[in-house]
Amino acid sequence: RDKALSEAQKARDAIMTQGRSSLLSRVALGDKIRESDEKVSTLRRVFAVRTLQMEMERIMLALEEEVASPPDRLSTAEMDEMALMVAEFGVMDASLRRLISFV
């Protein structure tokens, strides 16, 4: 887990604990709780996107290794499959770039 996410969750939990004593204290802490929830939510999204980026890099390295194989060793079906994988990777990469822009 990402350290910043863990710390934000602990801070949110501490605020929630303060509000357990009474309904009035929960109302008074409402803004803090909301801000804390938003921070945790944002960090979760950032963490998820980072994880996807790392996986995409791993996939890219695997594709590069596949493409580095001498073409004379690959059948036509294997070449077609490789072209399809590269195209699918491109679509996934474009989707990830859109996600990054939202975070």
N, C-alpha and C. Protein backbone atom coordinates (compact mmCIF):
# COMPACT_ATOMS: atom_id res chain seq x y z
N ARG A 1 0.83 -1.20 0.00
CA ARG A 1 0.00 0.00 0.00
C ARG A 1 0.86 1.25 0.00
N ASP A 2 0.33 2.23 -0.57
CA ASP A 2 1.03 3.50 -0.65
C ASP A 2 1.03 4.15 0.73
N LYS A 3 2.15 4.70 1.14
CA LYS A 3 2.29 5.28 2.48
C LYS A 3 1.34 6.46 2.69
N ALA A 4 1.21 7.31 1.69
CA ALA A 4 0.32 8.48 1.83
C ALA A 4 -1.12 8.04 2.01
N LEU A 5 -1.53 6.99 1.30
CA LEU A 5 -2.89 6.47 1.43
C LEU A 5 -3.11 5.92 2.84
N SER A 6 -2.17 5.16 3.33
CA SER A 6 -2.29 4.60 4.68
C SER A 6 -2.39 5.69 5.74
N GLU A 7 -1.56 6.72 5.58
CA GLU A 7 -1.58 7.82 6.55
C GLU A 7 -2.91 8.58 6.49
N ALA A 8 -3.43 8.79 5.29
CA ALA A 8 -4.71 9.49 5.14
C ALA A 8 -5.84 8.68 5.76
N GLN A 9 -5.80 7.36 5.58
CA GLN A 9 -6.83 6.50 6.18
C GLN A 9 -6.76 6.55 7.70
N LYS A 10 -5.54 6.54 8.24
CA LYS A 10 -5.39 6.61 9.70
C LYS A 10 -5.91 7.94 10.23
N ALA A 11 -5.61 9.03 9.50
CA ALA A 11 -6.08 10.36 9.94
C ALA A 11 -7.61 10.41 9.89
N ARG A 12 -8.20 9.84 8.84
CA ARG A 12 -9.66 9.81 8.73
C ARG A 12 -10.26 8.99 9.88
N ASP A 13 -9.66 7.85 10.17
CA ASP A 13 -10.15 6.99 11.26
C ASP A 13 -10.05 7.72 12.60
N ALA A 14 -8.98 8.50 12.78
CA ALA A 14 -8.84 9.24 14.04
C ALA A 14 -9.94 10.29 14.17
N ILE A 15 -10.27 10.96 13.06
CA ILE A 15 -11.36 11.94 13.09
C ILE A 15 -12.68 11.25 13.38
N MET A 16 -12.90 10.10 12.75
CA MET A 16 -14.14 9.35 12.98
C MET A 16 -14.25 8.92 14.44
N THR A 17 -13.14 8.54 15.04
CA THR A 17 -13.14 8.13 16.44
C THR A 17 -13.54 9.29 17.35
N GLN A 18 -13.07 10.50 17.00
CA GLN A 18 -13.44 11.68 17.78
C GLN A 18 -14.95 11.90 17.75
N GLY A 19 -15.58 11.58 16.65
CA GLY A 19 -17.00 11.83 16.50
C GLY A 19 -17.90 10.76 17.07
N ARG A 20 -17.34 9.72 17.61
CA ARG A 20 -18.17 8.62 18.14
C ARG A 20 -18.79 8.92 19.49
N SER A 21 -18.27 9.93 20.15
CA SER A 21 -18.76 10.21 21.51
C SER A 21 -20.20 10.71 21.52
N SER A 22 -20.58 11.49 20.51
CA SER A 22 -21.96 11.97 20.48
C SER A 22 -22.32 12.43 19.07
N LEU A 23 -23.60 12.54 18.84
CA LEU A 23 -24.09 13.00 17.54
C LEU A 23 -23.66 14.44 17.29
N LEU A 24 -23.68 15.24 18.33
CA LEU A 24 -23.28 16.64 18.20
C LEU A 24 -21.82 16.76 17.75
N SER A 25 -20.96 15.94 18.31
CA SER A 25 -19.55 16.01 17.91
C SER A 25 -19.37 15.54 16.46
N ARG A 26 -20.18 14.58 16.00
CA ARG A 26 -20.12 14.14 14.61
C ARG A 26 -20.52 15.27 13.67
N VAL A 27 -21.55 16.01 14.06
CA VAL A 27 -22.00 17.13 13.24
C VAL A 27 -20.90 18.19 13.19
N ALA A 28 -20.30 18.46 14.33
CA ALA A 28 -19.23 19.46 14.39
C ALA A 28 -18.03 19.05 13.55
N LEU A 29 -17.77 17.77 13.47
CA LEU A 29 -16.63 17.27 12.70
C LEU A 29 -16.98 16.96 11.25
N GLY A 30 -18.19 17.27 10.84
CA GLY A 30 -18.66 16.92 9.50
C GLY A 30 -17.75 17.37 8.38
N ASP A 31 -17.32 18.63 8.44
CA ASP A 31 -16.43 19.14 7.38
C ASP A 31 -15.10 18.41 7.37
N LYS A 32 -14.56 18.17 8.56
CA LYS A 32 -13.28 17.45 8.63
C LYS A 32 -13.43 16.03 8.09
N ILE A 33 -14.53 15.38 8.45
CA ILE A 33 -14.77 14.02 7.98
C ILE A 33 -14.91 14.00 6.47
N ARG A 34 -15.65 14.93 5.92
CA ARG A 34 -15.86 15.02 4.47
C ARG A 34 -14.53 15.28 3.75
N GLU A 35 -13.75 16.22 4.24
CA GLU A 35 -12.45 16.53 3.64
C GLU A 35 -11.52 15.32 3.71
N SER A 36 -11.55 14.65 4.85
CA SER A 36 -10.71 13.47 5.02
C SER A 36 -11.14 12.34 4.07
N ASP A 37 -12.44 12.14 3.93
CA ASP A 37 -12.94 11.13 3.00
C ASP A 37 -12.54 11.45 1.56
N GLU A 38 -12.62 12.73 1.20
CA GLU A 38 -12.24 13.14 -0.15
C GLU A 38 -10.75 12.90 -0.40
N LYS A 39 -9.94 13.18 0.61
CA LYS A 39 -8.50 12.97 0.47
C LYS A 39 -8.19 11.48 0.29
N VAL A 40 -8.82 10.63 1.09
CA VAL A 40 -8.61 9.19 0.98
C VAL A 40 -9.07 8.71 -0.40
N SER A 41 -10.21 9.18 -0.83
CA SER A 41 -10.73 8.78 -2.14
C SER A 41 -9.79 9.19 -3.26
N THR A 42 -9.28 10.41 -3.20
CA THR A 42 -8.34 10.89 -4.22
C THR A 42 -7.07 10.05 -4.22
N LEU A 43 -6.54 9.77 -3.04
CA LEU A 43 -5.32 8.98 -2.96
C LEU A 43 -5.55 7.55 -3.45
N ARG A 44 -6.73 7.00 -3.21
CA ARG A 44 -7.04 5.66 -3.73
C ARG A 44 -7.02 5.66 -5.26
N ARG A 45 -7.61 6.70 -5.85
CA ARG A 45 -7.61 6.79 -7.31
C ARG A 45 -6.19 6.92 -7.85
N VAL A 46 -5.39 7.77 -7.20
CA VAL A 46 -4.00 7.95 -7.63
C VAL A 46 -3.25 6.62 -7.51
N PHE A 47 -3.44 5.93 -6.41
CA PHE A 47 -2.77 4.65 -6.19
C PHE A 47 -3.20 3.63 -7.24
N ALA A 48 -4.48 3.59 -7.57
CA ALA A 48 -4.98 2.66 -8.58
C ALA A 48 -4.38 2.97 -9.95
N VAL A 49 -4.30 4.24 -10.28
CA VAL A 49 -3.72 4.63 -11.58
C VAL A 49 -2.24 4.29 -11.61
N ARG A 50 -1.53 4.53 -10.52
CA ARG A 50 -0.10 4.17 -10.47
C ARG A 50 0.08 2.67 -10.67
N THR A 51 -0.78 1.89 -10.04
CA THR A 51 -0.70 0.44 -10.19
C THR A 51 -0.94 0.05 -11.64
N LEU A 52 -1.93 0.65 -12.27
CA LEU A 52 -2.19 0.37 -13.68
C LEU A 52 -1.01 0.78 -14.55
N GLN A 53 -0.39 1.91 -14.25
CA GLN A 53 0.77 2.35 -15.02
C GLN A 53 1.91 1.33 -14.91
N MET A 54 2.14 0.82 -13.71
CA MET A 54 3.20 -0.17 -13.53
C MET A 54 2.89 -1.44 -14.30
N GLU A 55 1.64 -1.87 -14.28
CA GLU A 55 1.25 -3.07 -15.03
C GLU A 55 1.40 -2.85 -16.53
N MET A 56 1.05 -1.65 -16.99
CA MET A 56 1.20 -1.34 -18.42
C MET A 56 2.68 -1.36 -18.81
N GLU A 57 3.55 -0.87 -17.95
CA GLU A 57 4.98 -0.91 -18.23
C GLU A 57 5.47 -2.35 -18.31
N ARG A 58 4.97 -3.19 -17.42
CA ARG A 58 5.35 -4.62 -17.42
C ARG A 58 4.89 -5.28 -18.72
N ILE A 59 3.66 -4.96 -19.14
CA ILE A 59 3.13 -5.51 -20.38
C ILE A 59 3.95 -5.03 -21.56
N MET A 60 4.32 -3.75 -21.54
CA MET A 60 5.11 -3.19 -22.64
C MET A 60 6.45 -3.91 -22.75
N LEU A 61 7.09 -4.17 -21.63
CA LEU A 61 8.36 -4.90 -21.67
C LEU A 61 8.18 -6.29 -22.25
N ALA A 62 7.11 -6.96 -21.87
CA ALA A 62 6.84 -8.30 -22.41
C ALA A 62 6.59 -8.24 -23.91
N LEU A 63 5.85 -7.23 -24.36
CA LEU A 63 5.60 -7.07 -25.80
C LEU A 63 6.91 -6.78 -26.54
N GLU A 64 7.76 -5.95 -25.95
CA GLU A 64 9.03 -5.65 -26.59
C GLU A 64 9.88 -6.91 -26.75
N GLU A 65 9.86 -7.77 -25.73
CA GLU A 65 10.60 -9.03 -25.83
C GLU A 65 10.04 -9.90 -26.95
N GLU A 66 8.72 -9.95 -27.04
CA GLU A 66 8.08 -10.75 -28.09
C GLU A 66 8.44 -10.22 -29.47
N VAL A 67 8.38 -8.91 -29.62
CA VAL A 67 8.66 -8.29 -30.92
C VAL A 67 10.13 -8.45 -31.29
N ALA A 68 10.99 -8.55 -30.28
CA ALA A 68 12.42 -8.69 -30.55
C ALA A 68 12.78 -10.06 -31.12
N SER A 69 11.86 -11.01 -31.07
CA SER A 69 12.12 -12.33 -31.65
C SER A 69 12.32 -12.20 -33.16
N PRO A 70 13.26 -12.95 -33.70
CA PRO A 70 13.45 -12.89 -35.16
C PRO A 70 12.17 -13.27 -35.89
N PRO A 71 11.74 -12.46 -36.87
CA PRO A 71 10.48 -12.72 -37.56
C PRO A 71 10.43 -14.07 -38.28
N ASP A 72 11.59 -14.60 -38.69
CA ASP A 72 11.58 -15.88 -39.39
C ASP A 72 11.21 -17.04 -38.48
N ARG A 73 11.26 -16.83 -37.19
CA ARG A 73 10.88 -17.88 -36.23
C ARG A 73 9.39 -17.86 -35.93
N LEU A 74 8.69 -16.81 -36.33
CA LEU A 74 7.27 -16.67 -36.03
C LEU A 74 6.43 -17.06 -37.25
N SER A 75 5.36 -17.76 -36.98
CA SER A 75 4.43 -18.10 -38.06
C SER A 75 3.56 -16.88 -38.37
N THR A 76 2.83 -16.94 -39.46
CA THR A 76 1.94 -15.85 -39.83
C THR A 76 0.88 -15.64 -38.75
N ALA A 77 0.36 -16.73 -38.20
CA ALA A 77 -0.65 -16.63 -37.14
C ALA A 77 -0.06 -15.94 -35.91
N GLU A 78 1.19 -16.27 -35.58
CA GLU A 78 1.84 -15.64 -34.43
C GLU A 78 2.08 -14.15 -34.68
N MET A 79 2.45 -13.82 -35.91
CA MET A 79 2.66 -12.40 -36.26
C MET A 79 1.35 -11.63 -36.16
N ASP A 80 0.26 -12.25 -36.65
CA ASP A 80 -1.05 -11.61 -36.57
C ASP A 80 -1.47 -11.43 -35.11
N GLU A 81 -1.22 -12.45 -34.30
CA GLU A 81 -1.56 -12.38 -32.88
C GLU A 81 -0.76 -11.27 -32.20
N MET A 82 0.52 -11.15 -32.56
CA MET A 82 1.36 -10.11 -31.98
C MET A 82 0.84 -8.73 -32.38
N ALA A 83 0.46 -8.58 -33.64
CA ALA A 83 -0.07 -7.29 -34.09
C ALA A 83 -1.34 -6.94 -33.33
N LEU A 84 -2.17 -7.94 -33.08
CA LEU A 84 -3.40 -7.72 -32.32
C LEU A 84 -3.08 -7.30 -30.88
N MET A 85 -2.10 -7.97 -30.27
CA MET A 85 -1.72 -7.62 -28.89
C MET A 85 -1.21 -6.18 -28.82
N VAL A 86 -0.41 -5.78 -29.80
CA VAL A 86 0.12 -4.42 -29.82
C VAL A 86 -1.03 -3.42 -29.97
N ALA A 87 -1.98 -3.74 -30.84
CA ALA A 87 -3.14 -2.85 -31.03
C ALA A 87 -3.97 -2.76 -29.75
N GLU A 88 -4.19 -3.89 -29.09
CA GLU A 88 -4.95 -3.89 -27.83
C GLU A 88 -4.22 -3.09 -26.76
N PHE A 89 -2.89 -3.22 -26.73
CA PHE A 89 -2.11 -2.45 -25.77
C PHE A 89 -2.29 -0.96 -26.03
N GLY A 90 -2.29 -0.57 -27.30
CA GLY A 90 -2.49 0.83 -27.64
C GLY A 90 -3.82 1.36 -27.14
N VAL A 91 -4.87 0.55 -27.27
CA VAL A 91 -6.20 0.95 -26.79
C VAL A 91 -6.19 1.07 -25.26
N MET A 92 -5.57 0.11 -24.58
CA MET A 92 -5.49 0.17 -23.12
C MET A 92 -4.68 1.37 -22.67
N ASP A 93 -3.60 1.67 -23.37
CA ASP A 93 -2.77 2.81 -23.03
C ASP A 93 -3.55 4.12 -23.18
N ALA A 94 -4.32 4.22 -24.25
CA ALA A 94 -5.15 5.43 -24.45
C ALA A 94 -6.18 5.57 -23.33
N SER A 95 -6.77 4.45 -22.91
CA SER A 95 -7.74 4.48 -21.81
C SER A 95 -7.08 4.91 -20.51
N LEU A 96 -5.88 4.41 -20.27
CA LEU A 96 -5.15 4.79 -19.06
C LEU A 96 -4.81 6.27 -19.08
N ARG A 97 -4.44 6.79 -20.22
CA ARG A 97 -4.13 8.22 -20.32
C ARG A 97 -5.36 9.07 -19.98
N ARG A 98 -6.54 8.62 -20.41
CA ARG A 98 -7.76 9.34 -20.05
C ARG A 98 -7.99 9.28 -18.54
N LEU A 99 -7.75 8.12 -17.94
CA LEU A 99 -7.90 7.98 -16.48
C LEU A 99 -6.96 8.93 -15.75
N ILE A 100 -5.73 9.01 -16.24
CA ILE A 100 -4.74 9.87 -15.60
C ILE A 100 -5.22 11.31 -15.61
N SER A 101 -5.85 11.72 -16.69
CA SER A 101 -6.30 13.10 -16.77
C SER A 101 -7.43 13.41 -15.77
N PHE A 102 -8.15 12.38 -15.33
CA PHE A 102 -9.21 12.58 -14.34
C PHE A 102 -8.69 12.63 -12.92
N VAL A 103 -7.51 12.10 -12.70
CA VAL A 103 -6.96 12.02 -11.34
C VAL A 103 -6.16 13.20 -11.01
